[in-house]
Amino acid sequence: MLVFARGSIANREALAPHREEELRVLAQLKADGAMNAAYRRTAEPGVYLVLEGSTVDAVAERVNTLPFVVEG
């Protein structure tokens, strides 16, 4: 099942300390086949993700490991 997700970043400065870990987790999701693509939004800070999993809940579980998601 493919899942499209959109994320917004309200406070870039608060997330800056987590950027390196975010990139590491994104690379791991890609390597595991859980993420097919990630695109930065141009209109405002944020991202579009194309994810894959057996269920929406399985995809959400993986997305919830992203530091930017954890930190809000």
C-alpha atoms as a PDB file:
ATOM      1  CA  MET A   1       0.000   0.000   0.000  1.00  0.00           C
ATOM      2  CA  LEU A   2       1.322   3.446  -0.923  1.00  0.00           C
ATOM      3  CA  VAL A   3       0.720   6.327   1.451  1.00  0.00           C
ATOM      4  CA  PHE A   4       1.283  10.002   0.683  1.00  0.00           C
ATOM      5  CA  ALA A   5       2.119  12.217   3.650  1.00  0.00           C
ATOM      6  CA  ARG A   6       2.568  15.952   3.970  1.00  0.00           C
ATOM      7  CA  GLY A   7       4.496  17.560   6.782  1.00  0.00           C
ATOM      8  CA  SER A   8       4.732  21.212   7.754  1.00  0.00           C
ATOM      9  CA  ILE A   9       7.468  22.858   9.764  1.00  0.00           C
ATOM     10  CA  ALA A  10       6.262  25.746  11.896  1.00  0.00           C
ATOM     11  CA  ASN A  11       9.516  26.483  13.739  1.00  0.00           C
ATOM     12  CA  ARG A  12      12.671  25.575  11.806  1.00  0.00           C
ATOM     13  CA  GLU A  13      14.983  26.764  14.582  1.00  0.00           C
ATOM     14  CA  ALA A  14      13.489  24.307  17.087  1.00  0.00           C
ATOM     15  CA  LEU A  15      14.096  21.414  14.701  1.00  0.00           C
ATOM     16  CA  ALA A  16      17.618  22.415  13.651  1.00  0.00           C
ATOM     17  CA  PRO A  17      19.353  20.332  16.367  1.00  0.00           C
ATOM     18  CA  HIS A  18      17.521  17.233  15.068  1.00  0.00           C
ATOM     19  CA  ARG A  19      18.322  17.686  11.360  1.00  0.00           C
ATOM     20  CA  GLU A  20      21.230  15.231  11.194  1.00  0.00           C
ATOM     21  CA  GLU A  21      19.256  12.480  12.933  1.00  0.00           C
ATOM     22  CA  GLU A  22      16.229  13.209  10.719  1.00  0.00           C
ATOM     23  CA  LEU A  23      18.357  12.687   7.602  1.00  0.00           C
ATOM     24  CA  ARG A  24      19.769   9.454   9.048  1.00  0.00           C
ATOM     25  CA  VAL A  25      16.299   8.059   9.796  1.00  0.00           C
ATOM     26  CA  LEU A  26      15.025   9.106   6.341  1.00  0.00           C
ATOM     27  CA  ALA A  27      17.964   7.271   4.736  1.00  0.00           C
ATOM     28  CA  GLN A  28      17.152   4.187   6.832  1.00  0.00           C
ATOM     29  CA  LEU A  29      13.481   4.294   5.832  1.00  0.00           C
ATOM     30  CA  LYS A  30      14.579   4.514   2.188  1.00  0.00           C
ATOM     31  CA  ALA A  31      17.040   1.614   2.603  1.00  0.00           C
ATOM     32  CA  ASP A  32      14.336  -0.495   4.293  1.00  0.00           C
ATOM     33  CA  GLY A  33      11.909   0.151   1.416  1.00  0.00           C
ATOM     34  CA  ALA A  34       9.462   1.973   3.692  1.00  0.00           C
ATOM     35  CA  MET A  35       9.954   5.299   1.902  1.00  0.00           C
ATOM     36  CA  ASN A  36       9.898   5.625  -1.867  1.00  0.00           C
ATOM     37  CA  ALA A  37      10.497   9.370  -2.150  1.00  0.00           C
ATOM     38  CA  ALA A  38      10.729  12.633  -0.222  1.00  0.00           C
ATOM     39  CA  TYR A  39      10.156  16.079  -1.707  1.00  0.00           C
ATOM     40  CA  ARG A  40      10.682  19.456  -0.078  1.00  0.00           C
ATOM     41  CA  ARG A  41       7.732  21.798  -0.320  1.00  0.00           C
ATOM     42  CA  THR A  42       8.436  25.028  -2.165  1.00  0.00           C
ATOM     43  CA  ALA A  43       5.518  27.176  -1.033  1.00  0.00           C
ATOM     44  CA  GLU A  44       6.363  26.854   2.672  1.00  0.00           C
ATOM     45  CA  PRO A  45       8.710  24.831   4.900  1.00  0.00           C
ATOM     46  CA  GLY A  46       7.754  21.176   4.835  1.00  0.00           C
ATOM     47  CA  VAL A  47       7.909  17.899   2.983  1.00  0.00           C
ATOM     48  CA  TYR A  48       5.873  15.433   0.955  1.00  0.00           C
ATOM     49  CA  LEU A  49       6.651  11.750   1.514  1.00  0.00           C
ATOM     50  CA  VAL A  50       5.696   8.677  -0.511  1.00  0.00           C
ATOM     51  CA  LEU A  51       5.732   5.716   1.852  1.00  0.00           C
ATOM     52  CA  GLU A  52       4.951   2.047   1.540  1.00  0.00           C
ATOM     53  CA  GLY A  53       3.709  -0.507   4.046  1.00  0.00           C
ATOM     54  CA  SER A  54       1.246  -3.304   4.637  1.00  0.00           C
ATOM     55  CA  THR A  55      -1.254  -1.002   6.384  1.00  0.00           C
ATOM     56  CA  VAL A  56      -1.676   2.689   7.149  1.00  0.00           C
ATOM     57  CA  ASP A  57      -0.923   1.902  10.793  1.00  0.00           C
ATOM     58  CA  ALA A  58       2.345   0.183   9.816  1.00  0.00           C
ATOM     59  CA  VAL A  59       3.365   3.251   7.804  1.00  0.00           C
ATOM     60  CA  ALA A  60       2.389   5.592  10.656  1.00  0.00           C
ATOM     61  CA  GLU A  61       4.497   3.545  13.069  1.00  0.00           C
ATOM     62  CA  ARG A  62       7.558   4.052  10.859  1.00  0.00           C
ATOM     63  CA  VAL A  63       6.843   7.774  10.282  1.00  0.00           C
ATOM     64  CA  ASN A  64       6.562   8.268  14.034  1.00  0.00           C
ATOM     65  CA  THR A  65      10.267   7.347  14.328  1.00  0.00           C
ATOM     66  CA  LEU A  66      11.288  10.533  12.493  1.00  0.00           C
ATOM     67  CA  PRO A  67      12.827  13.086  14.900  1.00  0.00           C
ATOM     68  CA  PHE A  68      10.882  15.965  13.324  1.00  0.00           C
ATOM     69  CA  VAL A  69       7.645  14.064  13.993  1.00  0.00           C
ATOM     70  CA  VAL A  70       8.682  13.212  17.536  1.00  0.00           C
ATOM     71  CA  GLU A  71       9.658  16.826  18.256  1.00  0.00           C
ATOM     72  CA  GLY A  72       6.512  18.181  16.617  1.00  0.00           C
END
